Protein backbone atom coordinates (compact mmCIF):
# COMPACT_ATOMS: atom_id res chain seq x y z
CA MET A 1 0.07 0.12 -0.02
CA LYS A 2 1.23 3.45 -0.95
CA ILE A 3 -0.44 6.58 -0.09
CA THR A 4 0.70 10.08 -1.66
CA LEU A 5 -0.61 13.37 -0.49
CA ALA A 6 -0.80 14.47 -4.27
CA GLY A 7 -1.97 18.14 -3.43
CA PHE A 8 -4.15 20.65 -1.42
CA ASN A 9 -5.61 23.88 -1.84
CA VAL A 10 -3.11 26.90 -1.06
CA ASP A 11 -3.90 30.75 -1.17
CA TYR A 12 -3.05 31.94 -4.70
CA ASP A 13 -1.06 35.10 -3.22
CA ILE A 14 1.01 32.58 -1.33
CA LEU A 15 2.06 30.54 -4.42
CA LYS A 16 3.03 33.83 -6.16
CA LYS A 17 5.15 34.76 -3.28
CA PHE A 18 6.59 31.26 -2.97
CA LYS A 19 7.53 31.31 -6.63
CA LYS A 20 9.29 34.57 -6.42
CA SER A 21 11.10 33.71 -3.08
CA LYS A 22 12.18 30.33 -4.78
CA GLY A 23 11.12 28.47 -1.62
CA GLY A 24 10.69 31.04 1.15
CA LYS A 25 8.86 30.81 4.33
CA ALA A 26 5.22 31.03 3.04
CA PRO A 27 3.06 29.02 4.91
CA LEU A 28 1.70 26.17 2.48
CA THR A 29 -1.33 25.09 4.27
CA PRO A 30 -5.28 25.00 3.44
CA GLU A 31 -6.05 25.94 6.93
CA VAL A 32 -5.99 29.67 5.76
CA PHE A 33 -9.33 29.28 3.80
CA SER A 34 -10.80 27.75 6.97
CA ALA A 35 -9.56 30.46 9.47
CA ALA A 36 -10.49 33.35 7.07
CA TYR A 37 -13.81 31.94 5.89
CA ALA A 38 -14.91 31.19 9.33
CA ARG A 39 -14.74 34.81 10.35
CA ILE A 40 -16.78 36.17 7.21
CA SER A 41 -20.09 35.96 9.29
CA ARG A 42 -18.79 38.14 12.30
CA SER A 43 -16.16 40.15 10.74
CA PRO A 44 -16.92 43.53 9.30
CA LYS A 45 -13.67 43.05 7.18
CA THR A 46 -13.73 41.75 3.63
CA ILE A 47 -12.69 38.40 2.58
CA ALA A 48 -9.39 39.51 1.28
CA GLU A 49 -8.57 41.24 4.47
CA LEU A 50 -9.51 38.08 6.58
CA ARG A 51 -7.28 35.81 4.22
CA ARG A 52 -4.35 38.40 4.39
CA ASN A 53 -4.68 38.08 8.32
CA ALA A 54 -4.55 34.58 8.42
CA LYS A 55 -1.79 34.13 6.22
CA GLN A 56 0.36 36.52 8.21
CA GLU A 57 -0.36 34.97 11.63
CA ILE A 58 -0.90 31.13 10.83
CA GLU A 59 -0.50 30.02 14.49
CA LYS A 60 -3.02 32.68 15.62
CA ALA A 61 -5.40 31.29 12.76
CA ARG A 62 -4.86 27.70 13.83
CA LYS A 63 -5.75 28.44 17.36
CA ALA A 64 -8.93 30.20 15.98
CA ASN A 65 -9.76 27.20 13.79
CA ARG A 66 -9.51 24.78 17.06
CA LYS A 67 -11.87 27.17 18.89
CA ILE A 68 -14.37 27.60 16.03
CA ILE A 69 -14.44 23.85 15.20
CA PHE A 70 -14.27 22.49 18.61
CA ALA A 71 -15.78 24.91 21.19
CA MET A 72 -18.23 26.70 18.69
CA GLY A 73 -19.03 23.62 16.74
CA HIS A 74 -18.87 25.27 13.48
CA HIS A 75 -17.40 22.28 11.76
CA SER A 76 -18.44 23.17 8.22
CA VAL A 77 -15.42 25.56 8.10
CA ALA A 78 -13.03 22.59 7.71
CA GLU A 79 -14.99 21.90 4.42
CA HIS A 80 -12.81 24.80 2.80
CA ALA A 81 -9.66 22.90 3.06
CA VAL A 82 -9.35 20.10 0.35
CA PHE A 83 -6.90 17.43 -0.17
CA ASN A 84 -5.83 15.12 -2.98
CA PHE A 85 -4.55 11.75 -2.40
CA ASP A 86 -3.04 8.93 -4.66
CA ILE A 87 -4.03 5.63 -2.94
CA ILE A 88 -2.29 2.75 -4.66
CA GLY A 89 -1.98 -1.10 -4.02
CA ILE A 90 -5.18 -1.45 -1.97
CA SER A 91 -7.72 -4.06 -2.11
CA ARG A 92 -11.03 -3.97 -4.02
CA LEU A 93 -12.67 -4.73 -0.73
CA LEU A 94 -11.25 -1.72 0.79
CA THR A 95 -12.39 0.66 -1.93
CA GLU A 96 -16.02 -0.17 -0.86
CA GLU A 97 -15.19 1.13 2.56
CA ILE A 98 -13.42 4.28 1.13
CA GLU A 99 -16.32 5.07 -1.30
CA LYS A 100 -18.92 5.05 1.38
CA PHE A 101 -18.17 8.64 2.10
CA ARG A 102 -20.68 10.54 0.10
CA LEU A 103 -19.24 14.13 -0.13
CA CYS A 104 -15.95 13.15 -1.87
CA SER A 105 -14.71 12.57 -5.38
CA TYR A 106 -13.07 9.57 -6.52
CA THR A 107 -11.92 8.13 -9.69
CA GLU A 108 -10.68 4.34 -9.72
CA LYS A 109 -8.86 1.97 -11.75
CA SER A 110 -11.43 0.16 -13.89
CA GLN A 111 -11.32 -3.72 -14.04
CA ARG A 112 -13.57 -3.27 -17.08
CA TYR A 113 -11.29 -1.39 -19.43
CA ILE A 114 -7.83 -2.63 -18.14
CA LYS A 115 -6.48 -6.08 -18.37
CA LEU A 116 -5.07 -7.01 -14.85
CA LYS A 117 -1.91 -8.62 -13.99
CA GLY A 118 -3.30 -10.45 -10.91
CA ASP A 119 -1.43 -8.52 -8.14
CA PHE A 120 -3.62 -9.08 -4.89
CA VAL A 121 -3.16 -7.95 -1.14
CA VAL A 122 -2.49 -10.29 1.47
CA PRO A 123 -4.37 -8.71 4.62
CA ARG A 124 -2.47 -8.90 8.01
CA GLU A 125 -5.39 -10.89 9.50
CA ILE A 126 -4.65 -13.80 6.89
CA ALA A 127 -1.06 -13.56 6.69
CA LYS A 128 -0.57 -14.40 10.39
CA SER A 129 -3.32 -17.00 10.41
CA ARG A 130 -3.10 -20.60 9.44
CA TYR A 131 -5.14 -20.37 6.30
CA LEU A 132 -2.42 -18.07 4.29
CA GLU A 133 -1.13 -20.93 2.30
CA LYS A 134 -4.71 -22.03 1.20
CA PHE A 135 -5.73 -18.25 0.66
CA GLU A 136 -2.80 -17.52 -1.77
CA LYS A 137 -3.64 -21.07 -3.70
CA VAL A 138 -7.10 -20.27 -4.09
CA ILE A 139 -6.36 -16.72 -5.16
CA ASN A 140 -3.87 -17.62 -7.70
CA MET A 141 -6.25 -20.36 -8.92
CA GLY A 142 -8.72 -17.72 -9.82
CA ILE A 143 -6.14 -15.26 -11.48
CA LYS A 144 -4.83 -18.20 -13.61
CA PHE A 145 -8.49 -18.90 -14.84
CA TYR A 146 -8.73 -15.17 -15.19
CA HIS A 147 -6.26 -15.02 -18.00
CA LYS A 148 -7.55 -18.28 -19.59
CA LEU A 149 -11.03 -17.11 -19.62
CA TYR A 150 -9.95 -13.76 -21.01
CA LYS A 151 -8.30 -15.31 -24.04
CA ARG A 152 -11.22 -17.77 -24.56
CA ILE A 153 -13.78 -14.87 -24.61
CA VAL A 154 -11.68 -12.77 -27.29
CA LYS A 155 -11.49 -16.04 -29.39
CA SER A 156 -15.21 -16.72 -29.13
CA GLU A 157 -16.36 -13.00 -29.84
CA GLU A 158 -13.82 -13.01 -32.79
CA GLY A 159 -15.43 -16.24 -34.08
CA LYS A 160 -18.89 -14.50 -34.17
CA LEU A 161 -17.66 -11.64 -36.48
CA ARG A 162 -16.65 -14.61 -39.13
CA LYS A 163 -14.13 -11.96 -40.53
CA SER A 164 -11.06 -10.17 -39.04
CA PRO A 165 -12.09 -7.59 -36.57
CA LYS A 166 -11.00 -4.02 -37.43
CA LYS A 167 -9.36 -1.85 -34.81
CA GLU A 168 -12.45 -0.58 -33.05
CA GLU A 169 -14.06 -3.98 -33.12
CA LYS A 170 -10.84 -5.46 -31.28
CA LYS A 171 -11.07 -2.84 -28.67
CA CYS A 172 -14.86 -3.80 -27.96
CA LEU A 173 -13.85 -7.51 -27.95
CA LYS A 174 -11.02 -6.95 -25.40
CA LEU A 175 -13.60 -4.66 -23.32
CA LYS A 176 -16.11 -7.58 -23.49
CA ALA A 177 -13.46 -9.99 -22.29
CA ASN A 178 -12.25 -7.71 -19.37
CA GLU A 179 -15.60 -7.05 -17.85
CA ASP A 180 -16.54 -10.73 -17.91
CA ALA A 181 -13.32 -12.49 -17.07
CA ARG A 182 -12.93 -10.45 -13.73
CA TYR A 183 -15.98 -11.97 -12.17
CA ILE A 184 -13.64 -14.82 -11.02
CA LEU A 185 -11.19 -12.45 -9.61
CA SER A 186 -11.14 -11.90 -5.83
CA LEU A 187 -11.90 -9.01 -3.52
CA SER A 188 -8.33 -8.95 -2.61
CA GLN A 189 -7.28 -7.87 -5.98
CA LYS A 190 -4.96 -4.72 -5.86
CA THR A 191 -6.24 -1.49 -7.29
CA GLN A 192 -5.67 2.26 -7.20
CA LEU A 193 -7.70 5.43 -7.03
CA GLY A 194 -7.38 9.15 -6.72
CA GLU A 195 -9.62 10.94 -3.99
CA THR A 196 -10.33 14.54 -3.66
CA ILE A 197 -11.74 15.05 0.08
CA ASN A 198 -12.09 18.20 2.29
CA ALA A 199 -10.78 18.18 5.88
CA ARG A 200 -14.24 17.62 7.41
CA ASN A 201 -14.78 14.33 5.58
CA LEU A 202 -11.29 13.56 5.94
CA GLU A 203 -11.58 13.71 9.68
CA LEU A 204 -14.54 11.53 9.41
CA LEU A 205 -12.72 8.83 7.14
CA LEU A 206 -9.64 8.92 9.79
CA ARG A 207 -12.05 8.42 12.77
CA ARG A 208 -14.06 5.47 10.92
CA PHE A 209 -10.91 3.87 9.85
CA ALA A 210 -9.26 4.15 13.10
CA SER A 211 -12.43 2.09 14.39
CA HIS A 212 -12.59 -0.36 11.64
CA GLU A 213 -12.63 -4.18 11.88
CA LEU A 214 -10.33 -4.52 8.84
CA GLU A 215 -6.63 -4.02 9.36
CA GLU A 216 -6.20 -2.56 5.92
CA ALA A 217 -8.53 0.13 6.74
CA LYS A 218 -6.70 0.89 9.95
CA GLU A 219 -3.45 1.11 7.93
CA LEU A 220 -4.84 3.26 5.18
CA GLY A 221 -6.34 5.84 7.70
CA GLY A 222 -2.93 6.06 9.74
CA LYS A 223 -1.02 6.81 6.51
CA MET A 224 -3.41 9.41 5.40
CA PHE A 225 -3.14 11.06 8.80
CA ARG A 226 0.58 10.98 9.04
CA LEU A 227 0.57 12.97 5.62
CA VAL A 228 -1.60 15.75 6.71
CA LYS A 229 -1.22 16.11 10.63
CA LYS A 230 1.65 18.94 10.03
CA ILE A 231 -0.09 20.70 7.19
CA ALA A 232 -3.53 21.09 8.74
CA PRO A 233 -3.36 20.32 12.77
CA SER A 234 -6.22 22.79 13.31
CA ILE A 235 -8.85 21.20 11.37
CA ILE A 236 -8.15 17.55 11.67
CA LEU A 237 -9.04 17.06 15.36
CA PHE A 238 -11.44 14.01 15.85
CA TYR A 239 -9.54 11.23 14.11
CA ARG A 240 -8.97 8.73 16.87
CA GLU A 241 -10.89 5.53 17.11
CA ASN A 242 -14.04 6.02 19.16
CA ALA A 243 -17.05 3.74 20.71
CA PHE A 244 -19.67 4.61 18.25
CA ASP A 245 -17.71 3.67 15.06
CA LYS A 246 -16.03 0.82 16.58
CA ARG A 247 -18.74 -1.03 18.65
CA THR A 248 -22.05 -0.08 17.35
CA TYR A 249 -22.44 -2.40 14.28
CA PRO A 250 -20.42 -5.43 15.92
CA GLU A 251 -22.88 -5.13 18.96
CA LEU A 252 -25.92 -5.09 16.76
CA ARG A 253 -24.79 -7.90 14.91
CA LYS A 254 -24.34 -9.71 18.23
CA SER A 255 -27.78 -9.03 19.45
CA ILE A 256 -29.52 -10.00 16.22
CA GLU A 257 -27.73 -13.46 16.60
CA GLY A 258 -30.74 -16.08 16.73
CA LEU A 259 -33.23 -14.00 15.37
CA GLU A 260 -32.45 -15.21 11.72
CA GLY A 261 -32.99 -18.83 12.36
CA LYS A 262 -31.63 -21.62 10.51
CA LYS A 263 -33.62 -21.07 7.09
CA LYS A 264 -31.24 -20.67 4.25
CA ARG A 265 -31.63 -17.57 2.02
CA VAL A 266 -33.48 -17.98 -1.12
CA VAL A 267 -33.21 -15.42 -3.72
CA LYS A 268 -36.56 -15.14 -5.79
CA GLU A 269 -36.08 -11.53 -6.98
CA ASP A 270 -32.67 -9.69 -7.58
CA VAL A 271 -34.59 -6.35 -7.62
CA HIS A 272 -37.68 -5.65 -5.67
CA LEU A 273 -39.41 -2.32 -4.79
CA VAL A 274 -40.00 -2.37 -0.87
CA ASP A 275 -41.31 1.13 -0.45
CA TRP A 276 -41.90 4.24 -2.49
CA THR A 277 -43.94 7.85 -2.07
CA ARG A 278 -47.74 6.96 -2.44
CA ASP A 279 -49.38 9.48 -5.08
CA ALA A 280 -45.93 10.39 -6.35
CA ASP A 281 -47.27 11.90 -9.48
CA ILE A 282 -49.49 14.16 -7.50
CA LEU A 283 -46.97 15.16 -5.01
CA VAL A 284 -44.27 16.04 -7.69
CA LEU A 285 -46.91 18.14 -9.55
CA ALA A 286 -47.97 19.97 -6.25
CA THR A 287 -44.41 20.79 -5.58
CA ILE A 288 -43.92 22.31 -9.12
CA LEU A 289 -47.19 24.36 -8.72
CA HIS A 290 -46.15 25.50 -5.47
CA SER A 291 -42.59 26.75 -6.37
CA SER A 292 -44.35 28.28 -9.53
CA SER A 293 -46.91 30.22 -8.05
CA LYS A 294 -48.09 31.92 -4.61
CA LEU A 295 -50.08 29.09 -3.64
CA SER A 296 -49.83 27.32 -0.18
CA PHE A 297 -48.44 24.03 -0.59
CA ASN A 298 -51.87 22.45 0.75
CA ASN A 299 -53.52 24.51 -2.12
CA SER A 300 -51.15 23.30 -4.46
CA PHE A 301 -51.50 19.65 -3.46
CA GLU A 302 -55.46 20.01 -3.65
CA ILE A 303 -55.24 21.52 -7.22
CA ALA A 304 -52.85 18.59 -8.47
CA LYS A 305 -55.18 16.18 -6.78
CA SER A 306 -58.33 17.53 -8.58
CA MET A 307 -56.59 17.23 -12.04
CA ASN A 308 -57.47 14.46 -14.57
CA HIS A 309 -54.64 12.32 -15.83
CA ASN A 310 -54.42 14.17 -19.21
CA LYS A 311 -54.21 17.70 -17.17
CA MET A 312 -51.59 16.27 -14.90
CA ARG A 313 -49.45 14.93 -17.65
CA ASP A 314 -49.51 18.08 -19.64
CA PHE A 315 -48.15 20.03 -16.68
CA ILE A 316 -45.38 17.39 -15.93
CA ILE A 317 -44.31 17.24 -19.46
CA LYS A 318 -43.92 21.24 -19.56
CA THR A 319 -40.92 20.83 -17.20
CA PHE A 320 -39.30 18.52 -19.92
CA GLU A 321 -39.90 20.56 -22.83
CA HIS A 322 -36.67 22.58 -22.90
CA MET A 323 -34.29 19.79 -21.37
CA GLU A 324 -31.49 18.52 -23.13
CA LEU A 325 -29.45 15.24 -22.65
CA TYR A 326 -27.12 17.04 -20.04
CA ASP A 327 -29.85 18.74 -18.10
CA ALA A 328 -31.09 17.43 -14.92
CA VAL A 329 -34.76 17.32 -14.04
CA LEU A 330 -36.14 19.91 -11.83
CA ARG A 331 -35.30 19.79 -8.10
CA GLU A 332 -38.84 19.20 -7.28
CA PHE A 333 -38.65 15.76 -8.31
CA GLU A 334 -36.40 15.06 -5.15
CA TYR A 335 -39.69 14.88 -3.07
CA ALA A 336 -40.55 11.62 -4.51
CA HIS A 337 -38.60 8.67 -3.16
CA LEU A 338 -38.13 4.78 -4.00
CA THR A 339 -36.47 2.03 -2.02
CA PHE A 340 -35.30 -1.24 -3.84
CA ALA A 341 -34.07 -4.40 -2.21
CA LEU A 342 -31.28 -5.68 -4.63
CA VAL A 343 -29.18 -8.90 -4.86
CA VAL A 344 -25.95 -7.97 -6.62
CA SER A 345 -22.47 -9.13 -7.63
CA ALA A 346 -19.48 -7.37 -6.24
CA SER A 347 -18.88 -6.28 -9.93
CA CYS A 348 -22.24 -4.67 -10.10
CA PHE A 349 -21.91 -3.11 -6.74
CA ALA A 350 -18.45 -1.53 -7.60
CA GLN A 351 -20.70 0.55 -10.01
CA LEU A 352 -23.76 0.93 -8.03
CA LYS A 353 -21.76 2.47 -4.95
CA ARG A 354 -20.73 5.50 -7.12
CA HIS A 355 -23.99 6.92 -7.03
CA ARG A 356 -23.44 8.59 -3.61
CA GLN A 357 -26.48 10.94 -3.74
CA ALA A 358 -28.60 7.70 -3.14
CA THR A 359 -28.92 6.02 0.43
CA ILE A 360 -27.06 2.81 0.18
CA THR A 361 -26.78 0.20 3.01
CA SER A 362 -25.65 -3.42 2.57
CA GLN A 363 -24.89 -6.63 4.33
CA ARG A 364 -21.57 -8.51 3.76
CA TYR A 365 -20.91 -10.77 0.84
CA ASN A 366 -22.75 -13.98 1.23
CA PRO A 367 -22.20 -17.25 -0.73
CA GLU A 368 -25.68 -18.34 -0.03
CA LEU A 369 -26.94 -15.88 -2.34
CA GLY A 370 -25.07 -17.59 -5.04
CA VAL A 371 -22.99 -16.10 -7.82
CA THR A 372 -23.47 -14.33 -10.95
CA ILE A 373 -21.74 -15.90 -14.05
CA PRO A 374 -21.60 -13.74 -17.23
CA GLN A 375 -23.30 -15.22 -20.19
CA SER A 376 -19.83 -15.37 -22.22
CA VAL A 377 -18.72 -17.97 -19.65
CA TYR A 378 -21.33 -20.35 -20.64
CA GLU A 379 -20.89 -19.67 -24.29
CA THR A 380 -17.23 -20.50 -24.00
CA GLY A 381 -17.99 -23.79 -22.09
CA MET A 382 -15.85 -22.54 -19.08
CA ASP A 383 -18.85 -22.35 -16.72
CA LYS A 384 -17.99 -25.70 -15.09
CA GLU A 385 -14.45 -24.69 -14.27
CA PHE A 386 -15.78 -21.29 -12.97
CA ARG A 387 -18.17 -23.17 -10.83
CA GLU A 388 -15.44 -25.46 -9.35
CA ILE A 389 -13.30 -22.50 -8.52
CA ILE A 390 -16.40 -20.91 -6.61
CA GLU A 391 -17.08 -24.16 -4.75
CA ILE A 392 -13.42 -24.21 -3.64
CA THR A 393 -13.46 -20.45 -2.64
CA ASP A 394 -16.80 -20.91 -0.85
CA ASP A 395 -15.30 -23.84 1.33
CA LEU A 396 -12.23 -21.78 2.33
CA PHE A 397 -14.53 -18.76 3.06
CA TYR A 398 -16.64 -20.76 5.56
CA GLN A 399 -13.42 -22.29 7.36
CA MET A 400 -11.93 -18.70 7.54
CA ARG A 401 -15.21 -17.06 8.63
CA LYS A 402 -15.14 -18.89 12.14
CA LYS A 403 -11.93 -17.09 13.04
CA LEU A 404 -11.80 -14.01 10.64
CA SER A 405 -15.52 -12.98 10.32
CA VAL A 406 -14.66 -9.89 8.37
CA ALA A 407 -11.42 -10.51 6.60
CA SER A 408 -12.73 -13.85 5.29
CA GLN A 409 -14.45 -11.63 2.51
CA TYR A 410 -11.24 -11.02 0.90
CA VAL A 411 -11.08 -14.60 -0.75
CA LEU A 412 -14.55 -14.14 -2.33
CA THR A 413 -14.95 -13.11 -5.98
CA ASN A 414 -16.48 -10.27 -8.00
CA ALA A 415 -19.05 -12.89 -8.68
CA HIS A 416 -20.32 -13.21 -5.45
CA ARG A 417 -23.28 -11.38 -4.12
CA LYS A 418 -24.47 -9.14 -1.30
CA SER A 419 -28.13 -8.03 -0.30
CA VAL A 420 -28.40 -4.16 -0.75
CA LEU A 421 -30.91 -1.54 0.08
CA PHE A 422 -30.80 1.30 -2.26
CA SER A 423 -33.08 4.40 -1.63
CA VAL A 424 -33.17 7.26 -4.37
CA ASN A 425 -35.35 10.30 -5.09
CA THR A 426 -36.80 10.25 -8.77
CA ARG A 427 -34.34 13.15 -9.63
CA GLU A 428 -31.41 10.88 -8.90
CA LEU A 429 -33.12 7.95 -10.44
CA TYR A 430 -33.17 9.92 -13.70
CA HIS A 431 -29.45 10.55 -13.49
CA ILE A 432 -28.80 6.91 -12.79
CA SER A 433 -31.09 5.60 -15.68
CA ARG A 434 -29.45 7.92 -18.06
CA LEU A 435 -26.09 6.47 -17.27
CA ARG A 436 -26.78 2.97 -16.56
CA GLU A 437 -29.63 2.06 -19.10
CA ASP A 438 -27.17 3.40 -21.75
CA GLU A 439 -26.06 0.72 -24.35
CA HIS A 440 -22.39 1.38 -23.12
CA ALA A 441 -23.14 0.50 -19.51
CA GLN A 442 -21.91 -2.79 -18.08
CA TRP A 443 -24.58 -5.46 -18.69
CA GLU A 444 -25.27 -6.36 -15.02
CA ILE A 445 -25.86 -2.91 -13.61
CA ARG A 446 -27.78 -2.01 -16.96
CA ASP A 447 -30.21 -5.08 -16.08
CA LYS A 448 -30.63 -4.08 -12.54
CA THR A 449 -31.25 -0.36 -13.45
CA ARG A 450 -33.75 -1.38 -16.08
CA LYS A 451 -35.70 -3.56 -13.53
CA MET A 452 -35.59 -0.58 -11.06
CA VAL A 453 -37.07 1.87 -13.58
CA ASN A 454 -39.73 -0.46 -14.77
CA LEU A 455 -40.98 -1.09 -11.37
CA ALA A 456 -40.83 2.74 -10.42
CA LYS A 457 -42.78 3.66 -13.58
CA GLY A 458 -45.51 1.12 -12.30
CA VAL A 459 -46.05 3.19 -9.21
CA MET A 460 -45.17 6.78 -10.51
CA PRO A 461 -45.60 6.80 -14.40
CA LEU A 462 -45.98 10.55 -15.11
CA THR A 463 -42.89 11.41 -13.06
CA LEU A 464 -40.68 8.98 -14.73
CA LEU A 465 -41.79 9.65 -18.22
CA LEU A 466 -38.43 10.55 -19.77
CA THR A 467 -36.47 7.81 -18.16
CA GLY A 468 -34.03 6.06 -20.18
CA GLY A 469 -30.47 5.54 -21.31
CA LYS A 470 -28.70 8.50 -22.70
CA ASP A 471 -28.36 6.64 -26.09
CA ARG A 472 -32.20 6.59 -26.34
CA TYR A 473 -32.82 9.96 -25.03
CA PRO A 474 -33.52 11.69 -28.39
CA GLU A 475 -36.07 9.12 -29.31
CA ILE A 476 -37.85 9.14 -26.02
CA TYR A 477 -38.01 12.82 -26.22
CA LYS A 478 -39.45 12.63 -29.64
CA GLU A 479 -42.09 10.08 -28.57
CA ILE A 480 -43.54 12.87 -26.26
CA PHE A 481 -42.96 16.06 -28.10
CA GLY A 482 -42.86 14.74 -31.81
CA LYS A 483 -39.45 16.39 -32.44
CA TYR A 484 -35.73 15.98 -31.26
CA PRO A 485 -34.32 18.17 -28.70
CA LYS A 486 -32.57 21.33 -29.95
CA VAL A 487 -29.23 20.49 -29.41
CA ILE A 488 -29.66 16.88 -30.43
CA LYS A 489 -31.21 18.11 -33.62
CA SER A 490 -28.26 20.35 -34.37
CA VAL A 491 -25.84 17.34 -34.32
CA LEU A 492 -27.97 14.83 -36.17
CA PRO A 493 -26.95 14.07 -39.81
CA THR A 494 -29.19 15.91 -42.53
């Protein structure tokens, strides 16, 4: 694992002075912004003056930061300080923990687009256990099969063409092989990501990781803290482990033992709509009437409720009339919500978790939920060997779980599944639909998204009239308005 502090925001005047002095003693710290902006609400001075004062007396500014954040409770000022980290050589399992933090930005190495060598993390818990040799053997078995399966899928797809593939076709074949072969790789596979995070969320990450059950998470948190502690000591305050983060979930799991019974989990539906806003079409229309008029919300709701279907449809369609492919639907669509119970593979969850405006909670990966095997594995006749590796993997997982309840997940594959609760407002569902129902989206998340959208349309058909992948947006728009959107029309061939 290698963690590098790649950058942080610095006052521009400091950078200019630093450049002129070829080093100088200018304080390179993002704390200047936190200290200056914290005083905006209570000082008659201009922002420029406040920043100038903070730069000139950095220790005084740090003392003020601690007082404002700790004593006064204005923690949001820490959000003005931003850090960039290069995070290299961590496991796929750990990326799920990192990307739980909603108000951060991540770009992760894609197993879809890059053919992997097969490097993997050996976590401390397993390294010092009796399972190390078996763990490495099973992981290497999956890596060897991954390379074999990759070649077989490429060859199979080439055979379907019945001619020598062109450059672009070769690229598509390799993408297909990458995204399907990776299902056999483990959650211990190494990856890397770039992260941009503000100081407030970094502090939360450090505290959570200091309290985490995985040693890899603790190691990452420790390294990140050591990189920032001298640069921004006044805005990273609550970073140590605490009882809330360390004990709450473990104690909840223990208290629930025995309630589950001995029934084996049977998956009937991989996408199930468990809750939604009743009368969502009326509610969304009422919020639109409210924000577009002087009516009270109660009056707006009564008017919306009194409209017939066609009148409601006309009003809601009006909100879409000038919308282009890149536009988000109106914010009023955030008042309607849906909650789905999903069963997804690790490959699918890697993409699902990126939708951080949704509310996502999940169970651990569970072999009892089965595995997701790509169709190409069957087409190449590799499914039997795939399942044999899964059986060996499951057997070791159950052995390890007795002693290593959390770290045992490292041995599981991208094909293994977990149960997820996924709650979104309809504005966010539009965004997910545009991105994940598109023809270029990975096949599994495309399938899950289509199922979610279809179920959602069943309970709020007017609100979700224009959902669909971005590749189909022009046609969806044309079905409603009888013409293409203006921007789309301008780039269509004549």
